[in-house]
Amino acid sequence: MPRQMMLAGLVLAVTAGWTAPALCQTSSVWDGAYTPAQAERGAAKYRQMCVMCHGPVLEGNGEAPPLTGRFIPDWAGTSLAELFEKIQATMPLFAPATLSSSDTADILAFLLQSNNFPAGSAELQAGDGLKLVSFDASKPAPKSSGSGKRR
């Protein structure tokens, strides 16, 4: 019996070791975290809910910050989850925490598009997956495949 338990424990440890990296892989906003259609919906929602404070071209108004340009370094190194949560919990100023998750995701897609991050084939979705999307201010260097030859 103890031998069977050890074997089961070994199998579990090996299996967890092989699947854990796949669950923890992160992506970047440079990998295309939203779709063009989602950004279009977000632009409409932005005009409805955000333009009065952040301006028609996301320039800010002196009190509300701009959402392009210097906006990027403020969020660099965070995950999209943090920005999503900030928007959902504190916006709009006149009615905080009233945006639905889908409206927040659409507005975030519009902000990414407005800051020249590329679109992708899948829509941005609320949830834990946003924790795995890194808000990188500049495009990350390509990941090495490890297949380089040594001499």
N, C-alpha and C. Protein backbone atom coordinates (compact mmCIF):
# COMPACT_ATOMS: atom_id res chain seq x y z
N MET A 1 0.81 -1.20 0.00
CA MET A 1 0.00 0.00 0.00
C MET A 1 0.85 1.26 0.00
N PRO A 2 1.88 1.39 0.88
CA PRO A 2 2.70 2.60 0.85
C PRO A 2 3.37 2.80 -0.51
N ARG A 3 3.75 1.68 -1.16
CA ARG A 3 4.40 1.79 -2.48
C ARG A 3 3.42 2.35 -3.52
N GLN A 4 2.16 1.94 -3.45
CA GLN A 4 1.16 2.46 -4.39
C GLN A 4 0.92 3.94 -4.15
N MET A 5 0.92 4.35 -2.88
CA MET A 5 0.72 5.76 -2.58
C MET A 5 1.90 6.60 -3.07
N MET A 6 3.12 6.06 -2.92
CA MET A 6 4.29 6.78 -3.41
C MET A 6 4.23 6.92 -4.93
N LEU A 7 3.83 5.85 -5.61
CA LEU A 7 3.73 5.87 -7.06
C LEU A 7 2.66 6.88 -7.50
N ALA A 8 1.52 6.88 -6.83
CA ALA A 8 0.46 7.83 -7.14
C ALA A 8 0.93 9.26 -6.91
N GLY A 9 1.66 9.48 -5.83
CA GLY A 9 2.20 10.81 -5.54
C GLY A 9 3.20 11.26 -6.59
N LEU A 10 4.03 10.35 -7.05
CA LEU A 10 5.00 10.66 -8.09
C LEU A 10 4.29 11.01 -9.40
N VAL A 11 3.29 10.23 -9.76
CA VAL A 11 2.53 10.51 -10.98
C VAL A 11 1.87 11.88 -10.88
N LEU A 12 1.28 12.20 -9.74
CA LEU A 12 0.63 13.48 -9.54
C LEU A 12 1.64 14.62 -9.63
N ALA A 13 2.79 14.46 -9.01
CA ALA A 13 3.81 15.51 -9.04
C ALA A 13 4.33 15.73 -10.46
N VAL A 14 4.58 14.68 -11.20
CA VAL A 14 5.07 14.81 -12.57
C VAL A 14 4.01 15.46 -13.45
N THR A 15 2.76 15.02 -13.31
CA THR A 15 1.68 15.59 -14.10
C THR A 15 1.51 17.07 -13.78
N ALA A 16 1.52 17.44 -12.52
CA ALA A 16 1.38 18.84 -12.14
C ALA A 16 2.53 19.66 -12.67
N GLY A 17 3.73 19.11 -12.64
CA GLY A 17 4.90 19.80 -13.16
C GLY A 17 4.80 20.07 -14.65
N TRP A 18 4.16 19.20 -15.39
CA TRP A 18 4.04 19.38 -16.83
C TRP A 18 2.89 20.31 -17.19
N THR A 19 1.83 20.36 -16.40
CA THR A 19 0.69 21.20 -16.76
C THR A 19 0.76 22.59 -16.14
N ALA A 20 1.44 22.76 -15.03
CA ALA A 20 1.48 24.06 -14.37
C ALA A 20 2.05 25.16 -15.26
N PRO A 21 3.14 24.94 -16.01
CA PRO A 21 3.62 26.02 -16.85
C PRO A 21 2.59 26.47 -17.89
N ALA A 22 1.82 25.56 -18.42
CA ALA A 22 0.81 25.93 -19.40
C ALA A 22 -0.26 26.81 -18.79
N LEU A 23 -0.59 26.57 -17.53
CA LEU A 23 -1.61 27.36 -16.86
C LEU A 23 -1.10 28.74 -16.47
N CYS A 24 0.22 28.89 -16.33
CA CYS A 24 0.79 30.13 -15.86
C CYS A 24 1.42 30.97 -16.96
N GLN A 25 1.32 30.55 -18.20
CA GLN A 25 1.91 31.32 -19.28
C GLN A 25 1.18 32.64 -19.43
N THR A 26 1.95 33.70 -19.56
CA THR A 26 1.35 35.01 -19.74
C THR A 26 1.45 35.44 -21.19
N SER A 27 0.59 36.35 -21.53
CA SER A 27 0.67 36.97 -22.84
C SER A 27 0.79 38.46 -22.61
N SER A 28 0.92 39.19 -23.68
CA SER A 28 1.10 40.63 -23.61
C SER A 28 -0.01 41.32 -24.39
N VAL A 29 -0.24 42.58 -24.09
CA VAL A 29 -1.19 43.35 -24.88
C VAL A 29 -0.74 43.43 -26.33
N TRP A 30 0.53 43.17 -26.58
CA TRP A 30 1.08 43.17 -27.94
C TRP A 30 0.71 41.92 -28.70
N ASP A 31 0.13 40.93 -28.04
CA ASP A 31 -0.27 39.68 -28.69
C ASP A 31 -1.69 39.75 -29.26
N GLY A 32 -2.37 40.87 -29.11
CA GLY A 32 -3.73 41.01 -29.62
C GLY A 32 -4.74 40.49 -28.62
N ALA A 33 -5.13 41.35 -27.67
CA ALA A 33 -6.00 40.93 -26.56
C ALA A 33 -7.47 41.26 -26.78
N TYR A 34 -7.82 41.85 -27.92
CA TYR A 34 -9.20 42.27 -28.18
C TYR A 34 -9.45 42.16 -29.68
N THR A 35 -10.70 42.32 -30.08
CA THR A 35 -11.02 42.31 -31.51
C THR A 35 -11.40 43.72 -31.97
N PRO A 36 -11.29 43.98 -33.26
CA PRO A 36 -11.72 45.30 -33.77
C PRO A 36 -13.20 45.58 -33.47
N ALA A 37 -14.06 44.58 -33.59
CA ALA A 37 -15.49 44.77 -33.31
C ALA A 37 -15.70 45.15 -31.85
N GLN A 38 -14.94 44.55 -30.95
CA GLN A 38 -15.07 44.87 -29.53
C GLN A 38 -14.62 46.31 -29.27
N ALA A 39 -13.53 46.73 -29.90
CA ALA A 39 -13.06 48.10 -29.74
C ALA A 39 -14.08 49.10 -30.29
N GLU A 40 -14.75 48.73 -31.35
CA GLU A 40 -15.80 49.59 -31.91
C GLU A 40 -16.95 49.76 -30.92
N ARG A 41 -17.36 48.65 -30.29
CA ARG A 41 -18.40 48.75 -29.25
C ARG A 41 -17.90 49.61 -28.08
N GLY A 42 -16.63 49.43 -27.73
CA GLY A 42 -16.05 50.21 -26.65
C GLY A 42 -15.99 51.69 -26.96
N ALA A 43 -15.74 52.04 -28.23
CA ALA A 43 -15.72 53.45 -28.63
C ALA A 43 -17.10 54.08 -28.42
N ALA A 44 -18.14 53.35 -28.79
CA ALA A 44 -19.51 53.85 -28.60
C ALA A 44 -19.82 54.03 -27.11
N LYS A 45 -19.43 53.06 -26.31
CA LYS A 45 -19.68 53.14 -24.86
C LYS A 45 -18.83 54.26 -24.25
N TYR A 46 -17.59 54.44 -24.74
CA TYR A 46 -16.73 55.54 -24.27
C TYR A 46 -17.41 56.89 -24.54
N ARG A 47 -17.94 57.07 -25.75
CA ARG A 47 -18.61 58.33 -26.09
C ARG A 47 -19.81 58.57 -25.18
N GLN A 48 -20.46 57.51 -24.78
CA GLN A 48 -21.65 57.61 -23.93
C GLN A 48 -21.29 57.88 -22.47
N MET A 49 -20.25 57.23 -21.96
CA MET A 49 -19.99 57.23 -20.51
C MET A 49 -18.71 57.96 -20.07
N CYS A 50 -17.75 58.18 -20.96
CA CYS A 50 -16.43 58.63 -20.53
C CYS A 50 -15.98 59.96 -21.11
N VAL A 51 -16.54 60.33 -22.27
CA VAL A 51 -16.04 61.48 -23.01
C VAL A 51 -16.14 62.79 -22.23
N MET A 52 -17.14 62.93 -21.37
CA MET A 52 -17.32 64.18 -20.64
C MET A 52 -16.15 64.49 -19.71
N CYS A 53 -15.44 63.48 -19.24
CA CYS A 53 -14.28 63.71 -18.38
C CYS A 53 -12.95 63.51 -19.11
N HIS A 54 -12.88 62.47 -19.91
CA HIS A 54 -11.60 62.12 -20.54
C HIS A 54 -11.42 62.73 -21.93
N GLY A 55 -12.46 63.38 -22.46
CA GLY A 55 -12.35 64.09 -23.73
C GLY A 55 -12.62 63.23 -24.94
N PRO A 56 -12.96 63.90 -26.06
CA PRO A 56 -13.32 63.17 -27.28
C PRO A 56 -12.16 62.40 -27.91
N VAL A 57 -10.93 62.84 -27.66
CA VAL A 57 -9.78 62.10 -28.20
C VAL A 57 -8.91 61.56 -27.07
N LEU A 58 -9.55 61.28 -25.94
CA LEU A 58 -8.93 60.66 -24.77
C LEU A 58 -7.81 61.52 -24.16
N GLU A 59 -7.93 62.85 -24.34
CA GLU A 59 -6.87 63.76 -23.92
C GLU A 59 -6.93 64.16 -22.45
N GLY A 60 -8.01 63.83 -21.76
CA GLY A 60 -8.19 64.24 -20.38
C GLY A 60 -8.66 65.68 -20.31
N ASN A 61 -8.97 66.15 -19.11
CA ASN A 61 -9.47 67.51 -18.99
C ASN A 61 -8.77 68.31 -17.89
N GLY A 62 -7.63 67.88 -17.47
CA GLY A 62 -6.93 68.55 -16.37
C GLY A 62 -7.16 67.85 -15.05
N GLU A 63 -8.40 67.43 -14.81
CA GLU A 63 -8.71 66.67 -13.59
C GLU A 63 -8.72 65.18 -13.89
N ALA A 64 -9.38 64.80 -14.98
CA ALA A 64 -9.37 63.39 -15.41
C ALA A 64 -8.13 63.19 -16.27
N PRO A 65 -7.40 62.13 -16.05
CA PRO A 65 -6.15 61.93 -16.80
C PRO A 65 -6.40 61.57 -18.26
N PRO A 66 -5.41 61.84 -19.11
CA PRO A 66 -5.51 61.37 -20.48
C PRO A 66 -5.44 59.84 -20.51
N LEU A 67 -6.02 59.27 -21.53
CA LEU A 67 -6.02 57.81 -21.66
C LEU A 67 -5.17 57.34 -22.83
N THR A 68 -4.35 58.24 -23.35
CA THR A 68 -3.34 57.90 -24.34
C THR A 68 -2.04 58.60 -23.93
N GLY A 69 -0.96 58.24 -24.58
CA GLY A 69 0.33 58.89 -24.29
C GLY A 69 0.85 58.53 -22.93
N ARG A 70 0.89 59.51 -22.04
CA ARG A 70 1.48 59.26 -20.71
C ARG A 70 0.67 58.28 -19.87
N PHE A 71 -0.49 57.93 -20.34
CA PHE A 71 -1.31 56.89 -19.71
C PHE A 71 -0.56 55.54 -19.69
N ILE A 72 0.16 55.26 -20.75
CA ILE A 72 0.84 53.96 -20.90
C ILE A 72 1.85 53.70 -19.78
N PRO A 73 2.80 54.60 -19.51
CA PRO A 73 3.76 54.30 -18.44
C PRO A 73 3.13 54.12 -17.06
N ASP A 74 1.98 54.77 -16.85
CA ASP A 74 1.31 54.62 -15.55
C ASP A 74 0.86 53.18 -15.30
N TRP A 75 0.57 52.44 -16.36
CA TRP A 75 0.06 51.08 -16.22
C TRP A 75 1.08 50.01 -16.62
N ALA A 76 2.22 50.44 -17.13
CA ALA A 76 3.25 49.48 -17.57
C ALA A 76 3.65 48.56 -16.43
N GLY A 77 3.76 47.29 -16.75
CA GLY A 77 4.18 46.29 -15.77
C GLY A 77 3.04 45.70 -14.96
N THR A 78 1.83 46.18 -15.18
CA THR A 78 0.68 45.62 -14.48
C THR A 78 0.01 44.59 -15.39
N SER A 79 -1.04 44.02 -14.92
CA SER A 79 -1.83 43.11 -15.76
C SER A 79 -3.08 43.86 -16.22
N LEU A 80 -3.69 43.36 -17.27
CA LEU A 80 -4.94 43.97 -17.72
C LEU A 80 -6.02 43.85 -16.66
N ALA A 81 -5.91 42.86 -15.78
CA ALA A 81 -6.89 42.71 -14.70
C ALA A 81 -6.91 43.94 -13.81
N GLU A 82 -5.75 44.50 -13.52
CA GLU A 82 -5.69 45.68 -12.64
C GLU A 82 -6.38 46.88 -13.28
N LEU A 83 -6.12 47.09 -14.57
CA LEU A 83 -6.77 48.21 -15.26
C LEU A 83 -8.27 47.97 -15.40
N PHE A 84 -8.65 46.75 -15.72
CA PHE A 84 -10.07 46.39 -15.80
C PHE A 84 -10.77 46.68 -14.48
N GLU A 85 -10.18 46.23 -13.38
CA GLU A 85 -10.78 46.42 -12.06
C GLU A 85 -10.88 47.90 -11.69
N LYS A 86 -9.85 48.68 -12.05
CA LYS A 86 -9.87 50.13 -11.78
C LYS A 86 -11.03 50.79 -12.51
N ILE A 87 -11.18 50.46 -13.79
CA ILE A 87 -12.27 51.03 -14.59
C ILE A 87 -13.62 50.61 -14.01
N GLN A 88 -13.76 49.33 -13.75
CA GLN A 88 -15.06 48.83 -13.29
C GLN A 88 -15.44 49.35 -11.91
N ALA A 89 -14.48 49.51 -11.03
CA ALA A 89 -14.79 49.94 -9.67
C ALA A 89 -14.96 51.45 -9.53
N THR A 90 -14.30 52.23 -10.38
CA THR A 90 -14.28 53.68 -10.14
C THR A 90 -14.93 54.53 -11.25
N MET A 91 -15.32 53.92 -12.33
CA MET A 91 -15.88 54.68 -13.46
C MET A 91 -17.32 54.29 -13.71
N PRO A 92 -18.06 55.17 -14.30
CA PRO A 92 -17.75 56.58 -14.55
C PRO A 92 -17.80 57.38 -13.24
N LEU A 93 -17.19 58.52 -13.26
CA LEU A 93 -17.06 59.34 -12.06
C LEU A 93 -18.42 59.66 -11.43
N PHE A 94 -19.42 59.93 -12.25
CA PHE A 94 -20.74 60.30 -11.73
C PHE A 94 -21.56 59.10 -11.27
N ALA A 95 -21.10 57.88 -11.58
CA ALA A 95 -21.83 56.67 -11.16
C ALA A 95 -20.85 55.50 -11.06
N PRO A 96 -19.92 55.55 -10.11
CA PRO A 96 -18.90 54.50 -10.02
C PRO A 96 -19.50 53.10 -9.88
N ALA A 97 -18.79 52.15 -10.45
CA ALA A 97 -19.13 50.72 -10.34
C ALA A 97 -20.46 50.36 -10.98
N THR A 98 -20.87 51.12 -11.99
CA THR A 98 -22.13 50.80 -12.65
C THR A 98 -21.94 50.20 -14.04
N LEU A 99 -20.71 50.14 -14.53
CA LEU A 99 -20.46 49.53 -15.84
C LEU A 99 -20.55 48.01 -15.71
N SER A 100 -21.17 47.37 -16.68
CA SER A 100 -21.19 45.91 -16.68
C SER A 100 -19.80 45.39 -17.04
N SER A 101 -19.56 44.13 -16.77
CA SER A 101 -18.27 43.53 -17.12
C SER A 101 -18.03 43.59 -18.63
N SER A 102 -19.07 43.35 -19.42
CA SER A 102 -18.88 43.38 -20.88
C SER A 102 -18.62 44.80 -21.36
N ASP A 103 -19.29 45.81 -20.80
CA ASP A 103 -19.02 47.19 -21.18
C ASP A 103 -17.60 47.59 -20.78
N THR A 104 -17.16 47.18 -19.61
CA THR A 104 -15.81 47.48 -19.16
C THR A 104 -14.79 46.85 -20.09
N ALA A 105 -15.00 45.60 -20.48
CA ALA A 105 -14.09 44.92 -21.40
C ALA A 105 -14.06 45.64 -22.75
N ASP A 106 -15.22 46.08 -23.23
CA ASP A 106 -15.29 46.78 -24.51
C ASP A 106 -14.55 48.12 -24.43
N ILE A 107 -14.74 48.86 -23.36
CA ILE A 107 -14.03 50.14 -23.19
C ILE A 107 -12.54 49.90 -23.11
N LEU A 108 -12.13 48.88 -22.39
CA LEU A 108 -10.71 48.56 -22.30
C LEU A 108 -10.15 48.20 -23.67
N ALA A 109 -10.92 47.47 -24.48
CA ALA A 109 -10.49 47.16 -25.85
C ALA A 109 -10.30 48.45 -26.65
N PHE A 110 -11.22 49.40 -26.51
CA PHE A 110 -11.10 50.69 -27.18
C PHE A 110 -9.85 51.43 -26.72
N LEU A 111 -9.55 51.41 -25.43
CA LEU A 111 -8.34 52.06 -24.92
C LEU A 111 -7.08 51.42 -25.50
N LEU A 112 -7.07 50.10 -25.59
CA LEU A 112 -5.91 49.42 -26.18
C LEU A 112 -5.75 49.81 -27.64
N GLN A 113 -6.85 49.82 -28.38
CA GLN A 113 -6.80 50.21 -29.79
C GLN A 113 -6.32 51.67 -29.93
N SER A 114 -6.80 52.55 -29.09
CA SER A 114 -6.44 53.97 -29.14
C SER A 114 -4.97 54.19 -28.82
N ASN A 115 -4.36 53.25 -28.14
CA ASN A 115 -2.94 53.33 -27.79
C ASN A 115 -2.09 52.47 -28.72
N ASN A 116 -2.67 52.09 -29.84
CA ASN A 116 -1.96 51.37 -30.91
C ASN A 116 -1.49 49.97 -30.55
N PHE A 117 -2.17 49.32 -29.62
CA PHE A 117 -1.90 47.91 -29.38
C PHE A 117 -2.68 47.12 -30.42
N PRO A 118 -2.11 46.06 -30.95
CA PRO A 118 -2.78 45.34 -32.04
C PRO A 118 -4.00 44.55 -31.57
N ALA A 119 -4.94 44.42 -32.50
CA ALA A 119 -6.12 43.59 -32.25
C ALA A 119 -5.74 42.13 -32.49
N GLY A 120 -6.57 41.25 -31.98
CA GLY A 120 -6.37 39.82 -32.17
C GLY A 120 -7.65 39.19 -32.68
N SER A 121 -7.74 37.88 -32.52
CA SER A 121 -8.90 37.15 -33.03
C SER A 121 -9.92 36.81 -31.95
N ALA A 122 -9.57 37.03 -30.69
CA ALA A 122 -10.48 36.71 -29.58
C ALA A 122 -10.79 37.97 -28.79
N GLU A 123 -12.03 38.06 -28.33
CA GLU A 123 -12.42 39.21 -27.53
C GLU A 123 -11.82 39.15 -26.14
N LEU A 124 -11.58 40.32 -25.60
CA LEU A 124 -11.15 40.48 -24.23
C LEU A 124 -12.32 40.06 -23.34
N GLN A 125 -12.05 39.19 -22.38
CA GLN A 125 -13.11 38.68 -21.50
C GLN A 125 -12.78 39.03 -20.05
N ALA A 126 -13.80 39.41 -19.30
CA ALA A 126 -13.62 39.63 -17.87
C ALA A 126 -13.27 38.31 -17.21
N GLY A 127 -12.51 38.38 -16.14
CA GLY A 127 -12.19 37.17 -15.38
C GLY A 127 -10.70 37.02 -15.11
N ASP A 128 -10.35 35.87 -14.56
CA ASP A 128 -8.97 35.62 -14.16
C ASP A 128 -7.99 35.61 -15.32
N GLY A 129 -8.47 35.36 -16.52
CA GLY A 129 -7.58 35.36 -17.68
C GLY A 129 -6.88 36.69 -17.88
N LEU A 130 -7.49 37.78 -17.44
CA LEU A 130 -6.87 39.10 -17.58
C LEU A 130 -5.62 39.24 -16.73
N LYS A 131 -5.53 38.44 -15.67
CA LYS A 131 -4.34 38.48 -14.82
C LYS A 131 -3.11 37.97 -15.57
N LEU A 132 -3.34 37.21 -16.64
CA LEU A 132 -2.25 36.64 -17.40
C LEU A 132 -1.86 37.48 -18.61
N VAL A 133 -2.53 38.62 -18.79
CA VAL A 133 -2.20 39.51 -19.91
C VAL A 133 -1.44 40.70 -19.34
N SER A 134 -0.18 40.79 -19.70
CA SER A 134 0.70 41.84 -19.20
C SER A 134 0.53 43.13 -19.99
N PHE A 135 0.45 44.24 -19.28
CA PHE A 135 0.37 45.55 -19.92
C PHE A 135 1.79 46.05 -20.11
N ASP A 136 2.37 45.72 -21.26
CA ASP A 136 3.75 46.10 -21.58
C ASP A 136 3.74 47.41 -22.35
N ALA A 137 4.51 48.39 -21.87
CA ALA A 137 4.56 49.69 -22.54
C ALA A 137 5.18 49.59 -23.93
N SER A 138 6.18 48.74 -24.06
CA SER A 138 6.80 48.54 -25.36
C SER A 138 6.74 47.06 -25.71
N LYS A 139 6.83 46.79 -26.99
CA LYS A 139 6.70 45.42 -27.46
C LYS A 139 7.84 44.57 -26.91
N PRO A 140 7.51 43.45 -26.26
CA PRO A 140 8.56 42.59 -25.72
C PRO A 140 9.37 41.94 -26.83
N ALA A 141 10.61 41.63 -26.53
CA ALA A 141 11.46 40.92 -27.49
C ALA A 141 10.87 39.53 -27.73
N PRO A 142 11.02 39.01 -28.93
CA PRO A 142 10.50 37.65 -29.21
C PRO A 142 11.12 36.64 -28.24
N LYS A 143 10.31 35.69 -27.85
CA LYS A 143 10.79 34.65 -26.95
C LYS A 143 11.68 33.70 -27.72
N SER A 144 12.79 33.34 -27.12
CA SER A 144 13.72 32.41 -27.74
C SER A 144 13.13 31.01 -27.74
N SER A 145 13.29 30.31 -28.85
CA SER A 145 12.75 28.96 -28.94
C SER A 145 13.71 27.95 -28.36
N GLY A 146 14.93 28.39 -28.05
CA GLY A 146 15.88 27.46 -27.47
C GLY A 146 16.48 26.49 -28.46
N SER A 147 16.27 26.74 -29.77
CA SER A 147 16.77 25.79 -30.75
C SER A 147 18.03 26.30 -31.43
N GLY A 148 18.64 27.33 -30.83
CA GLY A 148 19.86 27.87 -31.42
C GLY A 148 20.99 26.85 -31.35
N LYS A 149 21.87 26.86 -32.35
CA LYS A 149 23.00 25.92 -32.38
C LYS A 149 24.17 26.52 -31.61
N ARG A 150 24.87 25.65 -30.92
CA ARG A 150 26.08 26.07 -30.20
C ARG A 150 27.27 25.54 -30.94
N ARG A 151 28.32 26.29 -30.90
CA ARG A 151 29.56 25.85 -31.57
C ARG A 151 30.58 25.47 -30.57
